[in-house]
Amino acid sequence: MKKTDMKAYKEKLILLRARLRGDLSQMADAALSGKNSMDGGSSGMPIHMADIGSDNYEQEFTLSLIDTEGDTLGAIENALEKIEDGTYGKCDECEGVIPKTRLNAIPYAPYCIKCAEKLER
């Protein structure tokens, strides 16, 4: 891969990492704050039992998103390390070249399409 291409992917990955870190920070604050807007935020306690269930569901959903986004953040960090090592754009499984179309869609993709499909089964 050309150095100019690597530089462009590195910039994409750095921007994506910064956005995800901000998103993760906001989601963590929301999930862990325990504040509810249903009662105006004065006591943080829901007014109705159904609100408690909704709040619990929202908190669990947000924590699940945090976990998923954390995995993506890890993949971005790995991709940035590969750029530094000069191995970016090579499949972790078969060591073949990952097509630019795939890297444009998912710049932190560790596998080519064939290997990714094989690993998902």
PDB file of N, CA and C in Angstrom:
ATOM      1  N   MET A   1       0.846  -1.179   0.000  1.00  0.00           N
ATOM      2  CA  MET A   1       0.000   0.000   0.000  1.00  0.00           C
ATOM      3  C   MET A   1       0.895   1.247   0.000  1.00  0.00           C
ATOM      4  N   LYS A   2       0.483   2.252  -0.732  1.00  0.00           N
ATOM      5  CA  LYS A   2       1.252   3.490  -0.836  1.00  0.00           C
ATOM      6  C   LYS A   2       1.211   4.272   0.474  1.00  0.00           C
ATOM      7  N   LYS A   3       2.254   5.060   0.691  1.00  0.00           N
ATOM      8  CA  LYS A   3       2.320   5.868   1.912  1.00  0.00           C
ATOM      9  C   LYS A   3       1.191   6.890   1.957  1.00  0.00           C
ATOM     10  N   THR A   4       0.807   7.437   0.809  1.00  0.00           N
ATOM     11  CA  THR A   4      -0.284   8.416   0.791  1.00  0.00           C
ATOM     12  C   THR A   4      -1.602   7.765   1.192  1.00  0.00           C
ATOM     13  N   ASP A   5      -1.796   6.516   0.739  1.00  0.00           N
ATOM     14  CA  ASP A   5      -3.006   5.782   1.134  1.00  0.00           C
ATOM     15  C   ASP A   5      -2.992   5.507   2.632  1.00  0.00           C
ATOM     16  N   MET A   6      -1.846   5.071   3.135  1.00  0.00           N
ATOM     17  CA  MET A   6      -1.723   4.792   4.574  1.00  0.00           C
ATOM     18  C   MET A   6      -2.017   6.040   5.393  1.00  0.00           C
ATOM     19  N   LYS A   7      -1.512   7.178   4.938  1.00  0.00           N
ATOM     20  CA  LYS A   7      -1.729   8.431   5.655  1.00  0.00           C
ATOM     21  C   LYS A   7      -3.221   8.779   5.685  1.00  0.00           C
ATOM     22  N   ALA A   8      -3.907   8.577   4.567  1.00  0.00           N
ATOM     23  CA  ALA A   8      -5.342   8.869   4.506  1.00  0.00           C
ATOM     24  C   ALA A   8      -6.125   7.953   5.448  1.00  0.00           C
ATOM     25  N   TYR A   9      -5.778   6.660   5.463  1.00  0.00           N
ATOM     26  CA  TYR A   9      -6.466   5.729   6.360  1.00  0.00           C
ATOM     27  C   TYR A   9      -6.161   6.051   7.821  1.00  0.00           C
ATOM     28  N   LYS A  10      -4.933   6.456   8.083  1.00  0.00           N
ATOM     29  CA  LYS A  10      -4.556   6.818   9.454  1.00  0.00           C
ATOM     30  C   LYS A  10      -5.393   8.004   9.934  1.00  0.00           C
ATOM     31  N   GLU A  11      -5.568   9.002   9.082  1.00  0.00           N
ATOM     32  CA  GLU A  11      -6.380  10.161   9.448  1.00  0.00           C
ATOM     33  C   GLU A  11      -7.827   9.761   9.691  1.00  0.00           C
ATOM     34  N   LYS A  12      -8.360   8.887   8.830  1.00  0.00           N
ATOM     35  CA  LYS A  12      -9.734   8.389   9.018  1.00  0.00           C
ATOM     36  C   LYS A  12      -9.873   7.682  10.363  1.00  0.00           C
ATOM     37  N   LEU A  13      -8.912   6.820  10.655  1.00  0.00           N
ATOM     38  CA  LEU A  13      -8.962   6.049  11.896  1.00  0.00           C
ATOM     39  C   LEU A  13      -8.831   6.939  13.124  1.00  0.00           C
ATOM     40  N   ILE A  14      -7.987   7.941  13.054  1.00  0.00           N
ATOM     41  CA  ILE A  14      -7.815   8.849  14.195  1.00  0.00           C
ATOM     42  C   ILE A  14      -9.105   9.638  14.444  1.00  0.00           C
ATOM     43  N   LEU A  15      -9.745  10.098  13.373  1.00  0.00           N
ATOM     44  CA  LEU A  15     -11.021  10.818  13.524  1.00  0.00           C
ATOM     45  C   LEU A  15     -12.107   9.899  14.085  1.00  0.00           C
ATOM     46  N   LEU A  16     -12.164   8.688  13.577  1.00  0.00           N
ATOM     47  CA  LEU A  16     -13.152   7.723  14.060  1.00  0.00           C
ATOM     48  C   LEU A  16     -12.911   7.385  15.527  1.00  0.00           C
ATOM     49  N   ARG A  17     -11.646   7.222  15.905  1.00  0.00           N
ATOM     50  CA  ARG A  17     -11.310   6.932  17.297  1.00  0.00           C
ATOM     51  C   ARG A  17     -11.746   8.074  18.214  1.00  0.00           C
ATOM     52  N   ALA A  18     -11.495   9.307  17.801  1.00  0.00           N
ATOM     53  CA  ALA A  18     -11.876  10.458  18.620  1.00  0.00           C
ATOM     54  C   ALA A  18     -13.394  10.535  18.781  1.00  0.00           C
ATOM     55  N   ARG A  19     -14.123  10.282  17.698  1.00  0.00           N
ATOM     56  CA  ARG A  19     -15.590  10.310  17.775  1.00  0.00           C
ATOM     57  C   ARG A  19     -16.108   9.222  18.698  1.00  0.00           C
ATOM     58  N   LEU A  20     -15.556   8.016  18.565  1.00  0.00           N
ATOM     59  CA  LEU A  20     -16.003   6.914  19.417  1.00  0.00           C
ATOM     60  C   LEU A  20     -15.691   7.161  20.890  1.00  0.00           C
ATOM     61  N   ARG A  21     -14.529   7.731  21.156  1.00  0.00           N
ATOM     62  CA  ARG A  21     -14.192   8.026  22.554  1.00  0.00           C
ATOM     63  C   ARG A  21     -15.183   9.015  23.149  1.00  0.00           C
ATOM     64  N   GLY A  22     -15.576  10.015  22.371  1.00  0.00           N
ATOM     65  CA  GLY A  22     -16.574  10.977  22.840  1.00  0.00           C
ATOM     66  C   GLY A  22     -17.918  10.311  23.062  1.00  0.00           C
ATOM     67  N   ASP A  23     -18.315   9.453  22.104  1.00  0.00           N
ATOM     68  CA  ASP A  23     -19.583   8.733  22.234  1.00  0.00           C
ATOM     69  C   ASP A  23     -19.572   7.834  23.468  1.00  0.00           C
ATOM     70  N   LEU A  24     -18.467   7.116  23.667  1.00  0.00           N
ATOM     71  CA  LEU A  24     -18.369   6.224  24.819  1.00  0.00           C
ATOM     72  C   LEU A  24     -18.454   6.993  26.125  1.00  0.00           C
ATOM     73  N   SER A  25     -17.818   8.133  26.169  1.00  0.00           N
ATOM     74  CA  SER A  25     -17.847   8.960  27.379  1.00  0.00           C
ATOM     75  C   SER A  25     -19.272   9.420  27.681  1.00  0.00           C
ATOM     76  N   GLN A  26     -19.977   9.872  26.650  1.00  0.00           N
ATOM     77  CA  GLN A  26     -21.362  10.328  26.847  1.00  0.00           C
ATOM     78  C   GLN A  26     -22.275   9.179  27.255  1.00  0.00           C
ATOM     79  N   MET A  27     -22.106   8.013  26.608  1.00  0.00           N
ATOM     80  CA  MET A  27     -22.951   6.869  26.949  1.00  0.00           C
ATOM     81  C   MET A  27     -22.681   6.403  28.375  1.00  0.00           C
ATOM     82  N   ALA A  28     -21.430   6.389  28.769  1.00  0.00           N
ATOM     83  CA  ALA A  28     -21.096   5.972  30.139  1.00  0.00           C
ATOM     84  C   ALA A  28     -21.703   6.934  31.143  1.00  0.00           C
ATOM     85  N   ASP A  29     -21.617   8.213  30.866  1.00  0.00           N
ATOM     86  CA  ASP A  29     -22.225   9.197  31.767  1.00  0.00           C
ATOM     87  C   ASP A  29     -23.727   8.979  31.872  1.00  0.00           C
ATOM     88  N   ALA A  30     -24.376   8.741  30.732  1.00  0.00           N
ATOM     89  CA  ALA A  30     -25.827   8.539  30.724  1.00  0.00           C
ATOM     90  C   ALA A  30     -26.217   7.258  31.454  1.00  0.00           C
ATOM     91  N   ALA A  31     -25.465   6.190  31.234  1.00  0.00           N
ATOM     92  CA  ALA A  31     -25.810   4.899  31.840  1.00  0.00           C
ATOM     93  C   ALA A  31     -25.563   4.888  33.338  1.00  0.00           C
ATOM     94  N   LEU A  32     -24.561   5.594  33.761  1.00  0.00           N
ATOM     95  CA  LEU A  32     -24.173   5.514  35.167  1.00  0.00           C
ATOM     96  C   LEU A  32     -24.699   6.661  36.018  1.00  0.00           C
ATOM     97  N   SER A  33     -25.298   7.678  35.389  1.00  0.00           N
ATOM     98  CA  SER A  33     -25.759   8.825  36.168  1.00  0.00           C
ATOM     99  C   SER A  33     -26.995   8.501  36.994  1.00  0.00           C
ATOM    100  N   GLY A  34     -27.862   7.627  36.458  1.00  0.00           N
ATOM    101  CA  GLY A  34     -29.064   7.258  37.203  1.00  0.00           C
ATOM    102  C   GLY A  34     -30.112   8.344  37.243  1.00  0.00           C
ATOM    103  N   LYS A  35     -29.932   9.401  36.459  1.00  0.00           N
ATOM    104  CA  LYS A  35     -30.914  10.484  36.458  1.00  0.00           C
ATOM    105  C   LYS A  35     -32.015  10.173  35.474  1.00  0.00           C
ATOM    106  N   ASN A  36     -33.198  10.568  35.830  1.00  0.00           N
ATOM    107  CA  ASN A  36     -34.371  10.324  35.005  1.00  0.00           C
ATOM    108  C   ASN A  36     -35.051  11.646  34.740  1.00  0.00           C
ATOM    109  N   SER A  37     -35.400  11.862  33.495  1.00  0.00           N
ATOM    110  CA  SER A  37     -36.055  13.126  33.146  1.00  0.00           C
ATOM    111  C   SER A  37     -37.561  13.079  33.389  1.00  0.00           C
ATOM    112  N   MET A  38     -38.116  11.939  33.768  1.00  0.00           N
ATOM    113  CA  MET A  38     -39.565  11.799  33.934  1.00  0.00           C
ATOM    114  C   MET A  38     -40.106  12.663  35.077  1.00  0.00           C
ATOM    115  N   ASP A  39     -39.310  12.868  36.102  1.00  0.00           N
ATOM    116  CA  ASP A  39     -39.803  13.649  37.231  1.00  0.00           C
ATOM    117  C   ASP A  39     -39.120  15.010  37.309  1.00  0.00           C
ATOM    118  N   GLY A  40     -38.539  15.419  36.188  1.00  0.00           N
ATOM    119  CA  GLY A  40     -37.879  16.712  36.181  1.00  0.00           C
ATOM    120  C   GLY A  40     -36.460  16.642  36.682  1.00  0.00           C
ATOM    121  N   GLY A  41     -35.977  15.455  37.004  1.00  0.00           N
ATOM    122  CA  GLY A  41     -34.592  15.271  37.428  1.00  0.00           C
ATOM    123  C   GLY A  41     -34.321  15.673  38.857  1.00  0.00           C
ATOM    124  N   SER A  42     -35.379  15.959  39.655  1.00  0.00           N
ATOM    125  CA  SER A  42     -35.138  16.452  41.010  1.00  0.00           C
ATOM    126  C   SER A  42     -34.595  15.372  41.937  1.00  0.00           C
ATOM    127  N   SER A  43     -35.190  14.191  41.934  1.00  0.00           N
ATOM    128  CA  SER A  43     -34.737  13.163  42.869  1.00  0.00           C
ATOM    129  C   SER A  43     -34.019  12.018  42.178  1.00  0.00           C
ATOM    130  N   GLY A  44     -34.165  11.913  40.868  1.00  0.00           N
ATOM    131  CA  GLY A  44     -33.539  10.817  40.146  1.00  0.00           C
ATOM    132  C   GLY A  44     -34.339   9.530  40.224  1.00  0.00           C
ATOM    133  N   MET A  45     -35.474   9.524  40.900  1.00  0.00           N
ATOM    134  CA  MET A  45     -36.297   8.329  41.022  1.00  0.00           C
ATOM    135  C   MET A  45     -37.484   8.423  40.074  1.00  0.00           C
ATOM    136  N   PRO A  46     -37.781   7.343  39.353  1.00  0.00           N
ATOM    137  CA  PRO A  46     -38.943   7.348  38.472  1.00  0.00           C
ATOM    138  C   PRO A  46     -40.242   7.462  39.255  1.00  0.00           C
ATOM    139  N   ILE A  47     -41.261   7.951  38.589  1.00  0.00           N
ATOM    140  CA  ILE A  47     -42.565   8.137  39.216  1.00  0.00           C
ATOM    141  C   ILE A  47     -43.348   6.825  39.266  1.00  0.00           C
ATOM    142  N   HIS A  48     -43.227   5.986  38.271  1.00  0.00           N
ATOM    143  CA  HIS A  48     -44.068   4.812  38.111  1.00  0.00           C
ATOM    144  C   HIS A  48     -43.202   3.559  37.978  1.00  0.00           C
ATOM    145  N   MET A  49     -43.736   2.396  38.359  1.00  0.00           N
ATOM    146  CA  MET A  49     -42.996   1.141  38.269  1.00  0.00           C
ATOM    147  C   MET A  49     -42.578   0.839  36.828  1.00  0.00           C
ATOM    148  N   ALA A  50     -43.422   1.174  35.867  1.00  0.00           N
ATOM    149  CA  ALA A  50     -43.069   0.943  34.462  1.00  0.00           C
ATOM    150  C   ALA A  50     -41.851   1.769  34.071  1.00  0.00           C
ATOM    151  N   ASP A  51     -41.725   2.946  34.683  1.00  0.00           N
ATOM    152  CA  ASP A  51     -40.556   3.792  34.413  1.00  0.00           C
ATOM    153  C   ASP A  51     -39.270   3.127  34.899  1.00  0.00           C
ATOM    154  N   ILE A  52     -39.371   2.407  35.997  1.00  0.00           N
ATOM    155  CA  ILE A  52     -38.202   1.696  36.519  1.00  0.00           C
ATOM    156  C   ILE A  52     -37.748   0.650  35.513  1.00  0.00           C
ATOM    157  N   GLY A  53     -38.702  -0.102  34.968  1.00  0.00           N
ATOM    158  CA  GLY A  53     -38.378  -1.112  33.954  1.00  0.00           C
ATOM    159  C   GLY A  53     -37.781  -0.485  32.707  1.00  0.00           C
ATOM    160  N   SER A  54     -38.358   0.613  32.281  1.00  0.00           N
ATOM    161  CA  SER A  54     -37.822   1.315  31.106  1.00  0.00           C
ATOM    162  C   SER A  54     -36.412   1.825  31.366  1.00  0.00           C
ATOM    163  N   ASP A  55     -36.203   2.390  32.541  1.00  0.00           N
ATOM    164  CA  ASP A  55     -34.880   2.901  32.894  1.00  0.00           C
ATOM    165  C   ASP A  55     -33.850   1.770  32.924  1.00  0.00           C
ATOM    166  N   ASN A  56     -34.242   0.626  33.501  1.00  0.00           N
ATOM    167  CA  ASN A  56     -33.324  -0.514  33.555  1.00  0.00           C
ATOM    168  C   ASN A  56     -32.987  -1.011  32.158  1.00  0.00           C
ATOM    169  N   TYR A  57     -34.007  -1.096  31.298  1.00  0.00           N
ATOM    170  CA  TYR A  57     -33.782  -1.534  29.923  1.00  0.00           C
ATOM    171  C   TYR A  57     -32.837  -0.565  29.209  1.00  0.00           C
ATOM    172  N   GLU A  58     -33.089   0.722  29.335  1.00  0.00           N
ATOM    173  CA  GLU A  58     -32.242   1.723  28.681  1.00  0.00           C
ATOM    174  C   GLU A  58     -30.808   1.646  29.191  1.00  0.00           C
ATOM    175  N   GLN A  59     -30.648   1.437  30.483  1.00  0.00           N
ATOM    176  CA  GLN A  59     -29.315   1.350  31.047  1.00  0.00           C
ATOM    177  C   GLN A  59     -28.589   0.104  30.523  1.00  0.00           C
ATOM    178  N   GLU A  60     -29.262  -1.036  30.492  1.00  0.00           N
ATOM    179  CA  GLU A  60     -28.652  -2.262  29.984  1.00  0.00           C
ATOM    180  C   GLU A  60     -28.321  -2.138  28.504  1.00  0.00           C
ATOM    181  N   PHE A  61     -29.216  -1.520  27.754  1.00  0.00           N
ATOM    182  CA  PHE A  61     -28.981  -1.317  26.316  1.00  0.00           C
ATOM    183  C   PHE A  61     -27.764  -0.423  26.101  1.00  0.00           C
ATOM    184  N   THR A  62     -27.666   0.641  26.866  1.00  0.00           N
ATOM    185  CA  THR A  62     -26.529   1.561  26.745  1.00  0.00           C
ATOM    186  C   THR A  62     -25.233   0.866  27.123  1.00  0.00           C
ATOM    187  N   LEU A  63     -25.251   0.060  28.165  1.00  0.00           N
ATOM    188  CA  LEU A  63     -24.050  -0.673  28.564  1.00  0.00           C
ATOM    189  C   LEU A  63     -23.637  -1.681  27.490  1.00  0.00           C
ATOM    190  N   SER A  64     -24.617  -2.282  26.825  1.00  0.00           N
ATOM    191  CA  SER A  64     -24.325  -3.187  25.711  1.00  0.00           C
ATOM    192  C   SER A  64     -23.678  -2.430  24.551  1.00  0.00           C
ATOM    193  N   LEU A  65     -24.195  -1.249  24.262  1.00  0.00           N
ATOM    194  CA  LEU A  65     -23.593  -0.415  23.214  1.00  0.00           C
ATOM    195  C   LEU A  65     -22.172  -0.018  23.571  1.00  0.00           C
ATOM    196  N   ILE A  66     -21.947   0.295  24.829  1.00  0.00           N
ATOM    197  CA  ILE A  66     -20.601   0.664  25.283  1.00  0.00           C
ATOM    198  C   ILE A  66     -19.643  -0.499  25.038  1.00  0.00           C
ATOM    199  N   ASP A  67     -20.088  -1.709  25.328  1.00  0.00           N
ATOM    200  CA  ASP A  67     -19.254  -2.890  25.121  1.00  0.00           C
ATOM    201  C   ASP A  67     -18.909  -3.058  23.644  1.00  0.00           C
ATOM    202  N   THR A  68     -19.907  -2.924  22.785  1.00  0.00           N
ATOM    203  CA  THR A  68     -19.699  -3.060  21.345  1.00  0.00           C
ATOM    204  C   THR A  68     -18.778  -1.970  20.817  1.00  0.00           C
ATOM    205  N   GLU A  69     -19.018  -0.747  21.231  1.00  0.00           N
ATOM    206  CA  GLU A  69     -18.186   0.371  20.786  1.00  0.00           C
ATOM    207  C   GLU A  69     -16.757   0.220  21.318  1.00  0.00           C
ATOM    208  N   GLY A  70     -16.615  -0.350  22.487  1.00  0.00           N
ATOM    209  CA  GLY A  70     -15.293  -0.610  23.034  1.00  0.00           C
ATOM    210  C   GLY A  70     -14.521  -1.606  22.179  1.00  0.00           C
ATOM    211  N   ASP A  71     -15.225  -2.629  21.679  1.00  0.00           N
ATOM    212  CA  ASP A  71     -14.595  -3.595  20.776  1.00  0.00           C
ATOM    213  C   ASP A  71     -14.145  -2.910  19.492  1.00  0.00           C
ATOM    214  N   THR A  72     -14.984  -2.025  18.965  1.00  0.00           N
ATOM    215  CA  THR A  72     -14.634  -1.288  17.753  1.00  0.00           C
ATOM    216  C   THR A  72     -13.431  -0.393  18.004  1.00  0.00           C
ATOM    217  N   LEU A  73     -13.407   0.234  19.153  1.00  0.00           N
ATOM    218  CA  LEU A  73     -12.274   1.093  19.508  1.00  0.00           C
ATOM    219  C   LEU A  73     -10.979   0.280  19.566  1.00  0.00           C
ATOM    220  N   GLY A  74     -11.051  -0.921  20.092  1.00  0.00           N
ATOM    221  CA  GLY A  74      -9.890  -1.812  20.123  1.00  0.00           C
ATOM    222  C   GLY A  74      -9.418  -2.181  18.719  1.00  0.00           C
ATOM    223  N   ALA A  75     -10.372  -2.435  17.820  1.00  0.00           N
ATOM    224  CA  ALA A  75     -10.028  -2.759  16.432  1.00  0.00           C
ATOM    225  C   ALA A  75      -9.369  -1.563  15.748  1.00  0.00           C
ATOM    226  N   ILE A  76      -9.828  -0.362  16.077  1.00  0.00           N
ATOM    227  CA  ILE A  76      -9.222   0.848  15.517  1.00  0.00           C
ATOM    228  C   ILE A  76      -7.784   0.990  16.015  1.00  0.00           C
ATOM    229  N   GLU A  77      -7.577   0.747  17.294  1.00  0.00           N
ATOM    230  CA  GLU A  77      -6.221   0.817  17.855  1.00  0.00           C
ATOM    231  C   GLU A  77      -5.298  -0.199  17.179  1.00  0.00           C
ATOM    232  N   ASN A  78      -5.806  -1.405  16.934  1.00  0.00           N
ATOM    233  CA  ASN A  78      -5.015  -2.430  16.244  1.00  0.00           C
ATOM    234  C   ASN A  78      -4.663  -1.991  14.831  1.00  0.00           C
ATOM    235  N   ALA A  79      -5.624  -1.379  14.140  1.00  0.00           N
ATOM    236  CA  ALA A  79      -5.376  -0.902  12.773  1.00  0.00           C
ATOM    237  C   ALA A  79      -4.314   0.193  12.763  1.00  0.00           C
ATOM    238  N   LEU A  80      -4.375   1.088  13.747  1.00  0.00           N
ATOM    239  CA  LEU A  80      -3.363   2.146  13.831  1.00  0.00           C
ATOM    240  C   LEU A  80      -1.968   1.565  14.106  1.00  0.00           C
ATOM    241  N   GLU A  81      -1.909   0.526  14.924  1.00  0.00           N
ATOM    242  CA  GLU A  81      -0.628  -0.149  15.168  1.00  0.00           C
ATOM    243  C   GLU A  81      -0.098  -0.791  13.897  1.00  0.00           C
ATOM    244  N   LYS A  82      -0.998  -1.379  13.104  1.00  0.00           N
ATOM    245  CA  LYS A  82      -0.592  -2.002  11.840  1.00  0.00           C
ATOM    246  C   LYS A  82      -0.050  -0.963  10.866  1.00  0.00           C
ATOM    247  N   ILE A  83      -0.628   0.224  10.884  1.00  0.00           N
ATOM    248  CA  ILE A  83      -0.109   1.287  10.024  1.00  0.00           C
ATOM    249  C   ILE A  83       1.320   1.605  10.417  1.00  0.00           C
ATOM    250  N   GLU A  84       1.562   1.693  11.707  1.00  0.00           N
ATOM    251  CA  GLU A  84       2.919   1.977  12.197  1.00  0.00           C
ATOM    252  C   GLU A  84       3.889   0.842  11.846  1.00  0.00           C
ATOM    253  N   ASP A  85       3.399  -0.401  11.891  1.00  0.00           N
ATOM    254  CA  ASP A  85       4.232  -1.568  11.576  1.00  0.00           C
ATOM    255  C   ASP A  85       4.415  -1.771  10.074  1.00  0.00           C
ATOM    256  N   GLY A  86       3.561  -1.126   9.286  1.00  0.00           N
ATOM    257  CA  GLY A  86       3.608  -1.315   7.838  1.00  0.00           C
ATOM    258  C   GLY A  86       2.865  -2.543   7.366  1.00  0.00           C
ATOM    259  N   THR A  87       2.011  -3.113   8.232  1.00  0.00           N
ATOM    260  CA  THR A  87       1.246  -4.307   7.863  1.00  0.00           C
ATOM    261  C   THR A  87      -0.229  -4.009   7.634  1.00  0.00           C
ATOM    262  N   TYR A  88      -0.590  -2.738   7.620  1.00  0.00           N
ATOM    263  CA  TYR A  88      -1.997  -2.356   7.424  1.00  0.00           C
ATOM    264  C   TYR A  88      -2.449  -2.763   6.031  1.00  0.00           C
ATOM    265  N   GLY A  89      -3.656  -3.290   5.957  1.00  0.00           N
ATOM    266  CA  GLY A  89      -4.224  -3.699   4.671  1.00  0.00           C
ATOM    267  C   GLY A  89      -3.979  -5.159   4.348  1.00  0.00           C
ATOM    268  N   LYS A  90      -3.345  -5.886   5.273  1.00  0.00           N
ATOM    269  CA  LYS A  90      -3.135  -7.323   5.094  1.00  0.00           C
ATOM    270  C   LYS A  90      -4.068  -8.074   6.022  1.00  0.00           C
ATOM    271  N   CYS A  91      -4.666  -9.118   5.504  1.00  0.00           N
ATOM    272  CA  CYS A  91      -5.599  -9.940   6.268  1.00  0.00           C
ATOM    273  C   CYS A  91      -4.876 -10.662   7.393  1.00  0.00           C
ATOM    274  N   ASP A  92      -5.443 -10.649   8.576  1.00  0.00           N
ATOM    275  CA  ASP A  92      -4.856 -11.338   9.729  1.00  0.00           C
ATOM    276  C   ASP A  92      -4.897 -12.859   9.572  1.00  0.00           C
ATOM    277  N   GLU A  93      -5.826 -13.356   8.772  1.00  0.00           N
ATOM    278  CA  GLU A  93      -6.002 -14.795   8.625  1.00  0.00           C
ATOM    279  C   GLU A  93      -5.136 -15.366   7.497  1.00  0.00           C
ATOM    280  N   CYS A  94      -5.320 -14.854   6.280  1.00  0.00           N
ATOM    281  CA  CYS A  94      -4.626 -15.424   5.117  1.00  0.00           C
ATOM    282  C   CYS A  94      -3.425 -14.593   4.666  1.00  0.00           C
ATOM    283  N   GLU A  95      -3.249 -13.430   5.274  1.00  0.00           N
ATOM    284  CA  GLU A  95      -2.173 -12.498   4.950  1.00  0.00           C
ATOM    285  C   GLU A  95      -2.262 -11.954   3.537  1.00  0.00           C
ATOM    286  N   GLY A  96      -3.437 -12.106   2.914  1.00  0.00           N
ATOM    287  CA  GLY A  96      -3.679 -11.509   1.601  1.00  0.00           C
ATOM    288  C   GLY A  96      -4.010 -10.038   1.752  1.00  0.00           C
ATOM    289  N   VAL A  97      -4.156  -9.360   0.642  1.00  0.00           N
ATOM    290  CA  VAL A  97      -4.455  -7.931   0.642  1.00  0.00           C
ATOM    291  C   VAL A  97      -5.951  -7.720   0.853  1.00  0.00           C
ATOM    292  N   ILE A  98      -6.285  -6.836   1.770  1.00  0.00           N
ATOM    293  CA  ILE A  98      -7.676  -6.442   1.975  1.00  0.00           C
ATOM    294  C   ILE A  98      -7.980  -5.370   0.933  1.00  0.00           C
ATOM    295  N   PRO A  99      -9.034  -5.557   0.123  1.00  0.00           N
ATOM    296  CA  PRO A  99      -9.335  -4.577  -0.929  1.00  0.00           C
ATOM    297  C   PRO A  99      -9.633  -3.185  -0.355  1.00  0.00           C
ATOM    298  N   LYS A 100      -9.248  -2.163  -1.119  1.00  0.00           N
ATOM    299  CA  LYS A 100      -9.471  -0.787  -0.679  1.00  0.00           C
ATOM    300  C   LYS A 100     -10.954  -0.490  -0.490  1.00  0.00           C
ATOM    301  N   THR A 101     -11.801  -1.125  -1.279  1.00  0.00           N
ATOM    302  CA  THR A 101     -13.243  -0.885  -1.113  1.00  0.00           C
ATOM    303  C   THR A 101     -13.702  -1.317   0.277  1.00  0.00           C
ATOM    304  N   ARG A 102     -13.142  -2.416   0.777  1.00  0.00           N
ATOM    305  CA  ARG A 102     -13.485  -2.871   2.130  1.00  0.00           C
ATOM    306  C   ARG A 102     -12.907  -1.921   3.174  1.00  0.00           C
ATOM    307  N   LEU A 103     -11.672  -1.500   2.980  1.00  0.00           N
ATOM    308  CA  LEU A 103     -11.045  -0.578   3.931  1.00  0.00           C
ATOM    309  C   LEU A 103     -11.716   0.795   3.917  1.00  0.00           C
ATOM    310  N   ASN A 104     -12.258   1.192   2.776  1.00  0.00           N
ATOM    311  CA  ASN A 104     -12.995   2.456   2.728  1.00  0.00           C
ATOM    312  C   ASN A 104     -14.280   2.362   3.544  1.00  0.00           C
ATOM    313  N   ALA A 105     -14.908   1.190   3.507  1.00  0.00           N
ATOM    314  CA  ALA A 105     -16.153   0.986   4.264  1.00  0.00           C
ATOM    315  C   ALA A 105     -15.865   0.756   5.742  1.00  0.00           C
ATOM    316  N   ILE A 106     -14.870  -0.078   6.034  1.00  0.00           N
ATOM    317  CA  ILE A 106     -14.499  -0.425   7.410  1.00  0.00           C
ATOM    318  C   ILE A 106     -12.986  -0.292   7.522  1.00  0.00           C
ATOM    319  N   PRO A 107     -12.490   0.902   7.830  1.00  0.00           N
ATOM    320  CA  PRO A 107     -11.035   1.105   7.824  1.00  0.00           C
ATOM    321  C   PRO A 107     -10.273   0.300   8.877  1.00  0.00           C
ATOM    322  N   TYR A 108     -10.973  -0.279   9.830  1.00  0.00           N
ATOM    323  CA  TYR A 108     -10.326  -1.081  10.872  1.00  0.00           C
ATOM    324  C   TYR A 108     -10.526  -2.578  10.652  1.00  0.00           C
ATOM    325  N   ALA A 109     -10.959  -2.961   9.440  1.00  0.00           N
ATOM    326  CA  ALA A 109     -11.225  -4.366   9.133  1.00  0.00           C
ATOM    327  C   ALA A 109      -9.936  -5.185   9.214  1.00  0.00           C
ATOM    328  N   PRO A 110      -9.921  -6.246  10.035  1.00  0.00           N
ATOM    329  CA  PRO A 110      -8.706  -7.060  10.153  1.00  0.00           C
ATOM    330  C   PRO A 110      -8.640  -8.209   9.137  1.00  0.00           C
ATOM    331  N   TYR A 111      -9.769  -8.485   8.469  1.00  0.00           N
ATOM    332  CA  TYR A 111      -9.835  -9.631   7.572  1.00  0.00           C
ATOM    333  C   TYR A 111     -10.362  -9.223   6.197  1.00  0.00           C
ATOM    334  N   CYS A 112      -9.923  -9.965   5.181  1.00  0.00           N
ATOM    335  CA  CYS A 112     -10.509  -9.804   3.858  1.00  0.00           C
ATOM    336  C   CYS A 112     -11.931 -10.374   3.911  1.00  0.00           C
ATOM    337  N   ILE A 113     -12.697 -10.144   2.893  1.00  0.00           N
ATOM    338  CA  ILE A 113     -14.105 -10.564   2.897  1.00  0.00           C
ATOM    339  C   ILE A 113     -14.237 -12.078   3.009  1.00  0.00           C
ATOM    340  N   LYS A 114     -13.429 -12.831   2.256  1.00  0.00           N
ATOM    341  CA  LYS A 114     -13.518 -14.298   2.301  1.00  0.00           C
ATOM    342  C   LYS A 114     -13.243 -14.837   3.699  1.00  0.00           C
ATOM    343  N   CYS A 115     -12.191 -14.339   4.319  1.00  0.00           N
ATOM    344  CA  CYS A 115     -11.849 -14.835   5.661  1.00  0.00           C
ATOM    345  C   CYS A 115     -12.886 -14.384   6.691  1.00  0.00           C
ATOM    346  N   ALA A 116     -13.400 -13.169   6.558  1.00  0.00           N
ATOM    347  CA  ALA A 116     -14.422 -12.688   7.483  1.00  0.00           C
ATOM    348  C   ALA A 116     -15.668 -13.548   7.395  1.00  0.00           C
ATOM    349  N   GLU A 117     -16.076 -13.909   6.173  1.00  0.00           N
ATOM    350  CA  GLU A 117     -17.248 -14.766   5.995  1.00  0.00           C
ATOM    351  C   GLU A 117     -16.997 -16.149   6.601  1.00  0.00           C
ATOM    352  N   LYS A 118     -15.787 -16.662   6.389  1.00  0.00           N
ATOM    353  CA  LYS A 118     -15.433 -17.986   6.919  1.00  0.00           C
ATOM    354  C   LYS A 118     -15.443 -17.980   8.448  1.00  0.00           C
ATOM    355  N   LEU A 119     -14.937 -16.919   9.048  1.00  0.00           N
ATOM    356  CA  LEU A 119     -14.875 -16.828  10.507  1.00  0.00           C
ATOM    357  C   LEU A 119     -16.245 -16.605  11.143  1.00  0.00           C
ATOM    358  N   GLU A 120     -17.181 -16.012  10.412  1.00  0.00           N
ATOM    359  CA  GLU A 120     -18.517 -15.770  10.961  1.00  0.00           C
ATOM    360  C   GLU A 120     -19.339 -17.041  11.050  1.00  0.00           C
ATOM    361  N   ARG A 121     -18.996 -18.050  10.288  1.00  0.00           N
ATOM    362  CA  ARG A 121     -19.779 -19.298  10.289  1.00  0.00           C
ATOM    363  C   ARG A 121     -19.517 -20.124  11.481  1.00  0.00           C
TER     364      ARG A 121
END
